Protein backbone atom coordinates (compact mmCIF):
# COMPACT_ATOMS: atom_id res chain seq x y z
CA MET A 1 7.38 -4.37 10.72
CA ARG A 2 5.50 -2.01 9.01
CA VAL A 3 3.08 -2.26 6.31
CA VAL A 4 1.86 0.21 3.67
CA VAL A 5 -1.08 0.03 1.18
CA ASP A 6 -1.01 2.43 -1.54
CA LEU A 7 -5.05 2.92 -1.77
CA ASN A 8 -4.83 5.14 -4.60
CA ARG A 9 -3.04 2.08 -6.43
CA CYS A 10 -5.34 -0.92 -5.14
CA GLN A 11 -7.86 -1.78 -7.16
CA GLY A 12 -9.33 -4.27 -5.06
CA TYR A 13 -8.43 -7.47 -6.78
CA ALA A 14 -8.39 -9.12 -2.98
CA GLN A 15 -5.27 -11.18 -4.21
CA CYS A 16 -3.83 -10.30 -1.21
CA CYS A 17 -6.16 -11.52 0.88
CA TYR A 18 -5.95 -15.16 -0.62
CA ALA A 19 -2.38 -14.66 -0.07
CA ALA A 20 -2.32 -13.89 3.62
CA PRO A 21 -6.17 -14.05 4.87
CA GLU A 22 -5.35 -13.36 8.46
CA GLN A 23 -3.58 -9.78 7.25
CA PHE A 24 -5.67 -8.62 4.83
CA GLU A 25 -9.49 -8.18 4.63
CA MET A 26 -11.83 -6.96 1.79
CA ARG A 27 -15.10 -5.35 3.45
CA GLY A 28 -17.69 -4.67 0.58
CA HIS A 29 -16.44 -4.26 -2.62
CA GLU A 30 -13.42 -1.54 -2.26
CA ILE A 31 -12.53 -1.57 1.70
CA LEU A 32 -9.06 -2.88 2.49
CA PHE A 33 -8.55 -3.48 6.13
CA TYR A 34 -5.25 -4.38 7.40
CA ASP A 35 -2.87 -4.24 10.50
CA PRO A 36 -0.43 -1.45 9.50
CA THR A 37 1.98 -3.10 11.96
CA PRO A 38 1.62 -6.88 12.28
CA PRO A 39 3.67 -9.49 14.22
CA SER A 40 7.10 -9.67 12.58
CA GLU A 41 6.33 -13.54 12.51
CA LYS A 42 3.94 -13.19 9.65
CA GLN A 43 6.60 -11.45 7.52
CA ALA A 44 6.44 -14.33 4.90
CA GLU A 45 2.80 -13.93 4.80
CA ILE A 46 3.02 -10.37 3.79
CA ALA A 47 5.22 -10.89 1.32
CA ARG A 48 3.30 -13.14 -0.38
CA ALA A 49 0.56 -10.77 -0.61
CA ALA A 50 2.88 -7.94 -1.86
CA GLN A 51 4.09 -10.18 -4.69
CA ALA A 52 0.22 -11.56 -5.49
CA CYS A 53 -1.06 -8.05 -5.56
CA PRO A 54 -0.82 -7.21 -9.41
CA VAL A 55 -0.94 -3.52 -9.17
CA ARG A 56 2.04 -3.60 -6.71
CA ALA A 57 0.10 -1.38 -4.01
CA ILE A 58 1.71 -3.53 -1.01
CA SER A 59 5.16 -2.39 0.86
CA PHE A 60 6.55 -3.00 3.80
CA ASP A 61 9.42 -2.83 6.28
CA THR A 62 11.17 -5.26 8.80
CA GLY A 63 12.43 -2.30 10.14
CA ALA A 64 16.08 -4.50 9.56
CA LYS A 65 19.11 -2.20 9.21
CA ALA A 66 22.00 -3.24 6.90
């Protein structure tokens, strides 16, 4: 799994931190820390965080082939 946060789009609302606190962390008012390659078992949490983001700055790829 690969997680990408568009930091130009991110406004620091921190909704991702509430939806997936083990995956996203705000430091200060504007600095978002996250693991770009979290374990695949965290997929549901990452999906919740992506949906919670009001500016849709979070995307992820599970690596699954269609």
